[in-house]
Protein backbone atom coordinates (compact mmCIF):
# COMPACT_ATOMS: atom_id res chain seq x y z
CA MET A 1 0.04 0.01 0.03
CA GLY A 2 2.71 2.43 0.93
CA ASP A 3 4.64 1.75 -2.38
CA LEU A 4 1.34 2.35 -4.24
CA PHE A 5 0.84 5.73 -2.56
CA LEU A 6 4.34 6.83 -3.27
CA HIS A 7 4.09 5.68 -6.92
CA SER A 8 0.76 7.54 -7.45
CA HIS A 9 1.95 10.56 -5.56
CA LYS A 10 5.02 10.78 -7.81
CA ASN A 11 2.79 10.50 -10.86
CA PHE A 12 0.63 13.25 -9.48
CA LEU A 13 3.47 15.54 -9.02
CA ALA A 14 5.05 14.70 -12.35
CA HIS A 15 1.75 15.72 -14.07
CA HIS A 16 1.33 18.85 -12.02
CA LEU A 17 4.79 20.35 -12.20
CA ILE A 18 4.77 23.66 -13.86
CA MET A 19 7.45 24.10 -16.57
CA ILE A 20 9.41 27.22 -16.00
CA ASN A 21 11.73 28.85 -18.64
CA LEU A 22 13.61 31.96 -17.10
CA PHE A 23 15.47 34.03 -19.55
CA GLY A 24 16.77 37.61 -20.07
CA VAL A 25 19.23 39.76 -18.24
CA TYR A 26 18.17 42.64 -16.10
CA GLU A 27 20.05 45.14 -14.07
CA SER A 28 18.96 46.16 -10.50
CA THR A 29 20.20 47.27 -7.18
CA VAL A 30 20.32 45.99 -3.74
CA ASP A 31 18.95 48.49 -1.14
CA ALA A 32 20.67 49.08 2.25
CA LYS A 33 18.48 46.21 3.80
CA GLY A 34 19.54 43.71 1.22
CA ARG A 35 16.35 43.81 -0.74
CA VAL A 36 16.06 43.25 -4.53
CA MET A 37 13.12 44.01 -6.75
CA LEU A 38 12.30 40.90 -8.90
CA PRO A 39 12.09 42.22 -12.39
CA SER A 40 8.37 42.18 -13.67
CA PRO A 41 9.15 39.75 -16.67
CA TYR A 42 10.36 37.16 -14.14
CA ARG A 43 7.39 37.87 -11.91
CA LYS A 44 5.01 37.27 -14.85
CA THR A 45 6.92 34.03 -15.79
CA LEU A 46 6.77 32.88 -12.16
CA GLU A 47 3.12 34.05 -11.30
CA LYS A 48 1.87 30.49 -10.87
CA VAL A 49 4.50 29.73 -8.24
CA LEU A 50 4.98 33.02 -6.41
CA GLU A 51 2.99 31.82 -3.46
CA GLU A 52 5.17 28.67 -3.06
CA GLY A 53 8.40 30.81 -2.39
CA PHE A 54 11.92 30.50 -3.52
CA ILE A 55 15.35 29.26 -2.45
CA ILE A 56 18.46 31.27 -2.80
CA LYS A 57 21.95 29.78 -2.54
CA GLN A 58 25.44 30.32 -3.30
CA ASN A 59 26.51 29.16 -6.80
CA VAL A 60 29.02 26.07 -6.41
CA PHE A 61 31.09 27.02 -9.50
CA ARG A 62 31.11 30.87 -9.45
CA LYS A 63 30.97 33.73 -7.12
CA SER A 64 27.28 34.48 -7.72
CA LEU A 65 23.86 33.28 -6.20
CA GLU A 66 21.19 31.14 -7.57
CA PHE A 67 17.55 31.95 -7.06
CA PHE A 68 15.23 28.91 -7.59
CA PRO A 69 11.42 28.55 -7.55
CA LEU A 70 10.69 26.19 -4.63
CA GLN A 71 9.29 23.49 -7.14
CA THR A 72 12.60 23.53 -9.12
CA TRP A 73 14.73 23.38 -5.96
CA ASN A 74 12.77 20.32 -4.68
CA GLU A 75 13.62 18.51 -7.84
CA ILE A 76 17.29 19.42 -7.56
CA SER A 77 17.32 18.57 -3.75
CA GLN A 78 15.82 15.13 -4.36
CA HIS A 79 18.77 14.14 -6.45
CA VAL A 80 21.11 15.11 -3.67
CA GLY A 81 18.77 13.43 -1.16
CA ASN A 82 19.06 10.19 -3.00
CA LEU A 83 22.89 9.87 -2.26
CA ASN A 84 24.04 7.05 -0.04
CA THR A 85 24.81 8.62 3.33
CA PHE A 86 26.88 5.73 4.50
CA LEU A 87 29.73 7.12 2.09
CA LYS A 88 31.85 9.88 3.52
CA ALA A 89 32.23 11.74 0.24
CA ASN A 90 28.51 11.88 -0.08
CA GLN A 91 28.02 13.29 3.38
CA GLU A 92 30.59 15.83 2.63
CA LEU A 93 28.78 16.72 -0.69
CA ILE A 94 25.49 17.11 1.13
CA THR A 95 26.84 19.35 3.88
CA LEU A 96 28.59 21.68 1.34
CA PHE A 97 25.81 21.65 -1.16
CA TYR A 98 23.22 22.79 1.46
CA TYR A 99 25.51 25.36 3.15
CA GLY A 100 23.93 28.78 2.96
CA VAL A 101 20.62 27.57 1.48
CA ARG A 102 17.85 30.11 2.45
CA SER A 103 14.13 30.15 1.91
CA VAL A 104 12.90 33.54 0.57
CA GLU A 105 9.55 35.05 -0.37
CA LEU A 106 8.51 37.96 -2.24
CA ASP A 107 7.00 40.84 -0.27
CA ASN A 108 3.96 42.77 -1.37
CA ASN A 109 6.18 44.94 -3.54
CA GLY A 110 7.73 42.19 -5.37
CA ARG A 111 11.07 42.30 -3.39
CA PHE A 112 13.09 39.55 -1.75
CA LEU A 113 15.87 39.62 0.79
CA ILE A 114 19.43 38.63 0.22
CA VAL A 115 21.25 38.02 3.49
CA LYS A 116 24.57 39.48 4.21
CA ASP A 117 26.49 36.32 3.99
CA HIS A 118 25.28 35.83 0.49
CA LEU A 119 26.01 39.41 -0.46
CA THR A 120 29.47 38.99 0.86
CA TYR A 121 30.08 35.54 -0.98
CA ALA A 122 28.94 37.11 -4.35
CA GLY A 123 30.94 40.37 -3.85
CA ILE A 124 27.63 42.27 -4.21
CA LYS A 125 27.66 45.85 -2.92
CA LYS A 126 24.78 47.50 -4.75
CA ASP A 127 24.59 47.05 -8.49
CA ILE A 128 23.50 43.64 -9.66
CA VAL A 129 22.67 41.60 -12.67
CA LEU A 130 19.74 38.97 -12.61
CA SER A 131 20.33 36.53 -15.43
CA GLY A 132 17.72 33.96 -16.41
CA ALA A 133 19.32 30.58 -16.74
CA ASN A 134 16.40 28.31 -17.71
CA ASP A 135 15.08 26.96 -14.43
CA ARG A 136 16.76 29.43 -12.17
CA ILE A 137 17.91 33.13 -12.02
CA GLU A 138 21.71 33.88 -11.39
CA ILE A 139 22.33 36.91 -9.21
CA TRP A 140 25.63 38.61 -9.82
CA ASP A 141 27.68 41.68 -8.78
CA LYS A 142 27.18 43.84 -11.95
CA ARG A 143 31.00 44.21 -12.62
CA ALA A 144 31.73 40.65 -11.88
CA TYR A 145 28.87 39.42 -14.25
CA HIS A 146 30.07 41.66 -17.29
CA LYS A 147 33.71 40.57 -16.52
CA TYR A 148 32.68 36.85 -16.51
CA ILE A 149 30.85 37.21 -19.86
CA LYS A 150 33.81 39.14 -21.43
CA ASP A 151 36.32 36.76 -20.17
CA ASN A 152 34.42 33.63 -21.34
CA SER A 153 32.56 34.76 -24.28
CA ASP A 154 35.29 33.12 -26.68
CA ASN A 155 34.37 29.79 -25.05
CA LEU A 156 30.85 29.81 -26.31
CA GLU A 157 31.49 28.31 -29.87
CA ARG A 158 33.58 25.48 -28.36
CA LEU A 159 31.11 24.78 -25.60
CA MET A 160 28.09 24.84 -27.95
CA GLU A 161 29.86 22.23 -30.12
CA GLU A 162 31.08 20.06 -27.34
CA ARG A 163 27.88 20.09 -25.21
CA LEU A 164 25.16 20.37 -27.83
CA GLY A 165 26.75 19.25 -31.18
CA GLY A 166 25.63 15.85 -31.46
CA LYS A 167 22.06 16.53 -29.85
CA LEU A 168 20.19 17.91 -32.77
CA PRO A 169 18.56 15.65 -35.39
CA GLU A 170 20.97 14.80 -38.25
CA ASN A 171 18.77 16.67 -40.82
CA GLY A 172 19.25 19.94 -38.87
CA GLN A 173 15.51 20.42 -37.98
């Protein structure tokens, strides 16, 4: 009975997940209290999940932050949660992965709070860039973002070919 419940619950969730595609780059500022206005195009895209809340965490690979709809975060977190915790490396990964994860909500003005630890980690003082990255929004210090894009734009052609080159149908459609 328990397995049947879990199976039907997973099927229910799979059919009721809202597909989110976040894109676009917007500049904004962080106020003195650490609040950021979520740009209106993102609010429109996220309107069906605004009430569920969001997760903000440090990016593992770059000095930036990641802002996830709760639904997306739960899917990602499930993968980490499935690791065998009897392996030391998995416990270490879990501890480090969840370090600094915070739940956030939008206030009535469409703002969310970035805590001081996150601002410090990402080197954010005031001016920021919010960059849609499919299922999440990356939050960068404005100067760091533009430097990253400038320093890495030459890699785009190589990365597209290496990571996506064999993924399209052979007839190019």
